[in-house]
Amino acid sequence: MPRLPGFRRWIWDGEVAGSIGLRWQRGTSALPPHVLGHIGYAVVPWKEGRGYATEALRLMLDEARAVGLDHVEITTDLGNLASQKVILANGGILVGRFAKVAAYGGAESLRYRIDL
């Protein structure tokens, strides 16, 4: 499969606090079926709850607009309430539940969409 364009940004507060990445397909906001979402992020456990992911996602939405996307999709596990809160705080709308493919563990997950 061809590699998708994308990049990763560090979440930094004087030291590494996490990272956030964006991936997309040129010329469309659609993603190939094997890609779970446009944006993925993680905050190191000892810095969770400080709003870093919420702010990083807010800033990444500007980057998504700049590459020509009209929306992004973000997925999260059912039990990841913190991530759901981050997505909702940035205008995410729940699209629905889906089962991840076996390569990603097969768990039931949630798909959100943020219109840009």
N, C-alpha and C. Protein backbone atom coordinates (compact mmCIF):
# COMPACT_ATOMS: atom_id res chain seq x y z
N MET A 1 0.83 -1.17 0.00
CA MET A 1 0.00 0.00 0.00
C MET A 1 0.88 1.25 0.00
N PRO A 2 0.47 2.26 -0.74
CA PRO A 2 1.27 3.50 -0.74
C PRO A 2 1.23 4.19 0.62
N ARG A 3 2.33 4.80 0.94
CA ARG A 3 2.43 5.53 2.20
C ARG A 3 1.61 6.81 2.13
N LEU A 4 0.88 7.11 3.19
CA LEU A 4 0.10 8.34 3.26
C LEU A 4 0.99 9.50 3.70
N PRO A 5 0.70 10.70 3.21
CA PRO A 5 1.43 11.85 3.75
C PRO A 5 1.00 12.07 5.19
N GLY A 6 1.88 12.64 5.95
CA GLY A 6 1.56 12.91 7.35
C GLY A 6 2.75 13.49 8.08
N PHE A 7 2.52 13.90 9.30
CA PHE A 7 3.59 14.40 10.15
C PHE A 7 3.16 14.30 11.61
N ARG A 8 4.14 14.43 12.50
CA ARG A 8 3.93 14.35 13.95
C ARG A 8 4.49 15.60 14.60
N ARG A 9 3.80 16.10 15.60
CA ARG A 9 4.25 17.24 16.40
C ARG A 9 4.41 16.78 17.85
N TRP A 10 5.42 17.32 18.52
CA TRP A 10 5.61 17.02 19.93
C TRP A 10 4.74 17.94 20.76
N ILE A 11 4.19 17.40 21.82
CA ILE A 11 3.52 18.20 22.84
C ILE A 11 4.60 18.49 23.88
N TRP A 12 4.89 19.75 24.11
CA TRP A 12 6.07 20.15 24.86
C TRP A 12 5.71 21.19 25.91
N ASP A 13 6.15 20.98 27.13
CA ASP A 13 5.96 21.98 28.20
C ASP A 13 7.28 22.27 28.90
N GLY A 14 8.35 22.23 28.12
CA GLY A 14 9.70 22.33 28.66
C GLY A 14 10.38 20.99 28.63
N GLU A 15 9.58 19.95 28.48
CA GLU A 15 10.03 18.58 28.25
C GLU A 15 8.91 17.86 27.52
N VAL A 16 9.21 16.70 27.01
CA VAL A 16 8.21 15.96 26.24
C VAL A 16 7.01 15.62 27.10
N ALA A 17 5.82 16.01 26.62
CA ALA A 17 4.58 15.69 27.31
C ALA A 17 3.71 14.74 26.49
N GLY A 18 4.06 14.54 25.21
CA GLY A 18 3.30 13.65 24.34
C GLY A 18 3.54 13.99 22.89
N SER A 19 2.66 13.48 22.02
CA SER A 19 2.77 13.79 20.60
C SER A 19 1.40 13.69 19.95
N ILE A 20 1.29 14.31 18.78
CA ILE A 20 0.05 14.27 18.00
C ILE A 20 0.46 14.18 16.54
N GLY A 21 -0.26 13.38 15.78
CA GLY A 21 0.07 13.20 14.37
C GLY A 21 -1.14 13.38 13.48
N LEU A 22 -0.89 13.77 12.24
CA LEU A 22 -1.92 13.94 11.23
C LEU A 22 -1.52 13.13 10.00
N ARG A 23 -2.48 12.42 9.42
CA ARG A 23 -2.25 11.70 8.17
C ARG A 23 -3.47 11.93 7.29
N TRP A 24 -3.27 11.91 5.99
CA TRP A 24 -4.36 12.16 5.06
C TRP A 24 -4.03 11.54 3.72
N GLN A 25 -4.98 11.58 2.85
CA GLN A 25 -4.83 11.09 1.49
C GLN A 25 -4.95 12.31 0.57
N ARG A 26 -4.01 12.50 -0.31
CA ARG A 26 -4.02 13.68 -1.18
C ARG A 26 -5.29 13.75 -2.02
N GLY A 27 -5.88 14.95 -2.09
CA GLY A 27 -7.02 15.19 -2.96
C GLY A 27 -8.38 14.78 -2.42
N THR A 28 -8.42 14.28 -1.18
CA THR A 28 -9.69 13.84 -0.60
C THR A 28 -9.59 13.86 0.92
N SER A 29 -10.73 13.98 1.57
CA SER A 29 -10.76 13.85 3.03
C SER A 29 -10.99 12.41 3.46
N ALA A 30 -11.28 11.54 2.49
CA ALA A 30 -11.50 10.12 2.80
C ALA A 30 -10.17 9.45 3.16
N LEU A 31 -10.26 8.41 3.96
CA LEU A 31 -9.08 7.62 4.33
C LEU A 31 -9.26 6.20 3.80
N PRO A 32 -8.16 5.52 3.51
CA PRO A 32 -8.28 4.11 3.15
C PRO A 32 -8.87 3.31 4.31
N PRO A 33 -9.53 2.20 4.04
CA PRO A 33 -10.20 1.43 5.10
C PRO A 33 -9.27 0.95 6.22
N HIS A 34 -7.99 0.76 5.94
CA HIS A 34 -7.07 0.24 6.97
C HIS A 34 -6.56 1.33 7.92
N VAL A 35 -6.91 2.60 7.67
CA VAL A 35 -6.45 3.70 8.51
C VAL A 35 -7.58 4.09 9.46
N LEU A 36 -7.29 4.08 10.76
CA LEU A 36 -8.33 4.31 11.76
C LEU A 36 -8.80 5.75 11.83
N GLY A 37 -7.96 6.72 11.55
CA GLY A 37 -8.37 8.11 11.64
C GLY A 37 -7.30 9.04 11.12
N HIS A 38 -7.67 10.30 10.96
CA HIS A 38 -6.72 11.31 10.48
C HIS A 38 -5.73 11.72 11.56
N ILE A 39 -6.19 11.76 12.80
CA ILE A 39 -5.36 12.30 13.88
C ILE A 39 -5.27 11.28 15.01
N GLY A 40 -4.07 11.13 15.54
CA GLY A 40 -3.84 10.30 16.71
C GLY A 40 -2.96 11.07 17.68
N TYR A 41 -3.18 10.90 18.96
CA TYR A 41 -2.40 11.64 19.95
C TYR A 41 -2.22 10.80 21.20
N ALA A 42 -1.22 11.17 21.97
CA ALA A 42 -0.95 10.51 23.26
C ALA A 42 -0.23 11.49 24.17
N VAL A 43 -0.57 11.46 25.43
CA VAL A 43 0.09 12.26 26.45
C VAL A 43 0.71 11.28 27.44
N VAL A 44 1.94 11.57 27.87
CA VAL A 44 2.58 10.68 28.84
C VAL A 44 1.72 10.64 30.10
N PRO A 45 1.63 9.47 30.74
CA PRO A 45 0.69 9.30 31.86
C PRO A 45 0.87 10.30 33.00
N TRP A 46 2.09 10.71 33.29
CA TRP A 46 2.30 11.60 34.42
C TRP A 46 1.97 13.07 34.10
N LYS A 47 1.51 13.33 32.85
CA LYS A 47 1.09 14.69 32.49
C LYS A 47 -0.34 14.74 31.97
N GLU A 48 -1.07 13.66 32.18
CA GLU A 48 -2.47 13.63 31.76
C GLU A 48 -3.30 14.57 32.62
N GLY A 49 -4.43 15.03 32.09
CA GLY A 49 -5.35 15.86 32.85
C GLY A 49 -4.97 17.33 32.90
N ARG A 50 -4.00 17.75 32.12
CA ARG A 50 -3.57 19.15 32.12
C ARG A 50 -4.08 19.92 30.89
N GLY A 51 -4.86 19.28 30.05
CA GLY A 51 -5.40 19.95 28.87
C GLY A 51 -4.47 19.93 27.66
N TYR A 52 -3.35 19.21 27.76
CA TYR A 52 -2.40 19.19 26.65
C TYR A 52 -2.99 18.59 25.38
N ALA A 53 -3.69 17.49 25.49
CA ALA A 53 -4.27 16.85 24.30
C ALA A 53 -5.35 17.72 23.68
N THR A 54 -6.16 18.36 24.51
CA THR A 54 -7.22 19.23 23.99
C THR A 54 -6.62 20.38 23.17
N GLU A 55 -5.59 21.00 23.70
CA GLU A 55 -4.94 22.11 22.99
C GLU A 55 -4.20 21.62 21.76
N ALA A 56 -3.51 20.49 21.86
CA ALA A 56 -2.79 19.95 20.70
C ALA A 56 -3.76 19.63 19.56
N LEU A 57 -4.91 19.04 19.89
CA LEU A 57 -5.89 18.74 18.86
C LEU A 57 -6.43 20.03 18.25
N ARG A 58 -6.71 21.03 19.07
CA ARG A 58 -7.19 22.31 18.54
C ARG A 58 -6.21 22.88 17.52
N LEU A 59 -4.93 22.86 17.85
CA LEU A 59 -3.91 23.37 16.94
C LEU A 59 -3.78 22.50 15.69
N MET A 60 -3.91 21.19 15.84
CA MET A 60 -3.77 20.29 14.70
C MET A 60 -4.92 20.47 13.71
N LEU A 61 -6.08 20.88 14.18
CA LEU A 61 -7.20 21.12 13.27
C LEU A 61 -6.86 22.23 12.27
N ASP A 62 -6.10 23.24 12.70
CA ASP A 62 -5.64 24.27 11.77
C ASP A 62 -4.71 23.66 10.71
N GLU A 63 -3.87 22.76 11.12
CA GLU A 63 -2.95 22.08 10.18
C GLU A 63 -3.75 21.23 9.18
N ALA A 64 -4.81 20.58 9.66
CA ALA A 64 -5.65 19.76 8.78
C ALA A 64 -6.33 20.64 7.72
N ARG A 65 -6.81 21.80 8.14
CA ARG A 65 -7.39 22.75 7.17
C ARG A 65 -6.35 23.16 6.14
N ALA A 66 -5.13 23.41 6.60
CA ALA A 66 -4.06 23.89 5.72
C ALA A 66 -3.68 22.87 4.64
N VAL A 67 -3.87 21.58 4.91
CA VAL A 67 -3.57 20.56 3.87
C VAL A 67 -4.78 20.28 3.01
N GLY A 68 -5.90 21.00 3.25
CA GLY A 68 -7.06 20.90 2.39
C GLY A 68 -8.17 19.97 2.84
N LEU A 69 -8.11 19.48 4.07
CA LEU A 69 -9.17 18.59 4.55
C LEU A 69 -10.41 19.40 4.91
N ASP A 70 -11.60 18.84 4.64
CA ASP A 70 -12.83 19.52 5.05
C ASP A 70 -13.40 18.91 6.33
N HIS A 71 -12.85 17.78 6.74
CA HIS A 71 -13.20 17.17 8.02
C HIS A 71 -12.08 16.21 8.41
N VAL A 72 -12.06 15.84 9.68
CA VAL A 72 -11.17 14.78 10.14
C VAL A 72 -11.99 13.76 10.90
N GLU A 73 -11.52 12.54 10.87
CA GLU A 73 -12.09 11.47 11.68
C GLU A 73 -11.06 11.07 12.72
N ILE A 74 -11.54 10.82 13.93
CA ILE A 74 -10.69 10.39 15.04
C ILE A 74 -11.39 9.23 15.72
N THR A 75 -10.65 8.20 16.03
CA THR A 75 -11.23 7.05 16.70
C THR A 75 -10.64 6.91 18.09
N THR A 76 -11.41 6.29 18.95
CA THR A 76 -10.94 6.04 20.31
C THR A 76 -11.65 4.80 20.85
N ASP A 77 -11.04 4.18 21.83
CA ASP A 77 -11.64 3.00 22.46
C ASP A 77 -12.85 3.42 23.30
N LEU A 78 -13.78 2.48 23.47
CA LEU A 78 -14.99 2.75 24.25
C LEU A 78 -14.68 3.25 25.65
N GLY A 79 -13.69 2.67 26.28
CA GLY A 79 -13.37 3.01 27.66
C GLY A 79 -12.46 4.21 27.84
N ASN A 80 -12.03 4.83 26.76
CA ASN A 80 -11.10 5.96 26.87
C ASN A 80 -11.90 7.27 26.99
N LEU A 81 -12.44 7.49 28.16
CA LEU A 81 -13.28 8.66 28.40
C LEU A 81 -12.50 9.96 28.27
N ALA A 82 -11.23 9.97 28.64
CA ALA A 82 -10.42 11.18 28.52
C ALA A 82 -10.29 11.59 27.05
N SER A 83 -10.04 10.65 26.18
CA SER A 83 -9.91 10.96 24.75
C SER A 83 -11.25 11.41 24.18
N GLN A 84 -12.32 10.79 24.60
CA GLN A 84 -13.65 11.21 24.14
C GLN A 84 -13.90 12.66 24.54
N LYS A 85 -13.50 13.03 25.74
CA LYS A 85 -13.67 14.40 26.23
C LYS A 85 -12.86 15.39 25.38
N VAL A 86 -11.63 15.00 25.02
CA VAL A 86 -10.76 15.84 24.17
C VAL A 86 -11.43 16.09 22.82
N ILE A 87 -11.95 15.03 22.22
CA ILE A 87 -12.58 15.14 20.90
C ILE A 87 -13.83 16.01 20.98
N LEU A 88 -14.67 15.77 21.97
CA LEU A 88 -15.90 16.56 22.12
C LEU A 88 -15.59 18.04 22.37
N ALA A 89 -14.55 18.33 23.14
CA ALA A 89 -14.16 19.71 23.42
C ALA A 89 -13.73 20.45 22.16
N ASN A 90 -13.35 19.70 21.13
CA ASN A 90 -12.93 20.29 19.87
C ASN A 90 -13.99 20.17 18.78
N GLY A 91 -15.23 19.95 19.18
CA GLY A 91 -16.32 19.93 18.21
C GLY A 91 -16.62 18.60 17.58
N GLY A 92 -16.07 17.53 18.13
CA GLY A 92 -16.31 16.19 17.58
C GLY A 92 -17.75 15.75 17.73
N ILE A 93 -18.23 15.08 16.71
CA ILE A 93 -19.57 14.50 16.70
C ILE A 93 -19.41 12.99 16.55
N LEU A 94 -20.05 12.24 17.42
CA LEU A 94 -19.97 10.78 17.34
C LEU A 94 -20.66 10.30 16.07
N VAL A 95 -19.91 9.57 15.24
CA VAL A 95 -20.45 9.00 14.01
C VAL A 95 -21.04 7.63 14.30
N GLY A 96 -20.34 6.85 15.14
CA GLY A 96 -20.85 5.54 15.50
C GLY A 96 -19.78 4.63 16.05
N ARG A 97 -20.22 3.41 16.35
CA ARG A 97 -19.33 2.37 16.85
C ARG A 97 -18.88 1.50 15.69
N PHE A 98 -17.71 0.92 15.84
CA PHE A 98 -17.21 -0.02 14.84
C PHE A 98 -16.23 -0.96 15.53
N ALA A 99 -15.98 -2.08 14.88
CA ALA A 99 -15.00 -3.05 15.40
C ALA A 99 -13.69 -2.84 14.64
N LYS A 100 -12.61 -2.63 15.37
CA LYS A 100 -11.30 -2.51 14.73
C LYS A 100 -10.96 -3.82 14.04
N VAL A 101 -10.20 -3.74 12.96
CA VAL A 101 -9.75 -4.96 12.30
C VAL A 101 -8.82 -5.71 13.26
N ALA A 102 -8.66 -6.99 13.04
CA ALA A 102 -7.87 -7.84 13.93
C ALA A 102 -6.45 -7.31 14.15
N ALA A 103 -5.87 -6.72 13.11
CA ALA A 103 -4.50 -6.19 13.24
C ALA A 103 -4.40 -5.11 14.31
N TYR A 104 -5.51 -4.45 14.61
CA TYR A 104 -5.55 -3.42 15.65
C TYR A 104 -6.21 -3.92 16.93
N GLY A 105 -6.40 -5.21 17.05
CA GLY A 105 -6.93 -5.80 18.27
C GLY A 105 -8.39 -6.19 18.25
N GLY A 106 -9.13 -5.77 17.23
CA GLY A 106 -10.52 -6.19 17.08
C GLY A 106 -11.52 -5.60 18.06
N ALA A 107 -11.09 -4.69 18.93
CA ALA A 107 -11.99 -4.13 19.95
C ALA A 107 -13.03 -3.22 19.34
N GLU A 108 -14.17 -3.13 20.01
CA GLU A 108 -15.19 -2.18 19.60
C GLU A 108 -14.70 -0.77 19.96
N SER A 109 -14.85 0.15 19.02
CA SER A 109 -14.34 1.50 19.19
C SER A 109 -15.37 2.51 18.74
N LEU A 110 -15.04 3.78 18.94
CA LEU A 110 -15.92 4.88 18.55
C LEU A 110 -15.24 5.71 17.46
N ARG A 111 -16.04 6.16 16.49
CA ARG A 111 -15.53 7.02 15.43
C ARG A 111 -16.22 8.39 15.56
N TYR A 112 -15.41 9.43 15.62
CA TYR A 112 -15.88 10.81 15.69
C TYR A 112 -15.48 11.55 14.42
N ARG A 113 -16.22 12.60 14.11
CA ARG A 113 -15.92 13.47 12.97
C ARG A 113 -15.93 14.91 13.46
N ILE A 114 -14.94 15.67 12.99
CA ILE A 114 -14.88 17.10 13.24
C ILE A 114 -14.87 17.79 11.89
N ASP A 115 -15.91 18.55 11.61
CA ASP A 115 -15.97 19.31 10.36
C ASP A 115 -15.07 20.53 10.50
N LEU A 116 -14.35 20.80 9.42
CA LEU A 116 -13.42 21.92 9.42
C LEU A 116 -13.99 23.08 8.63
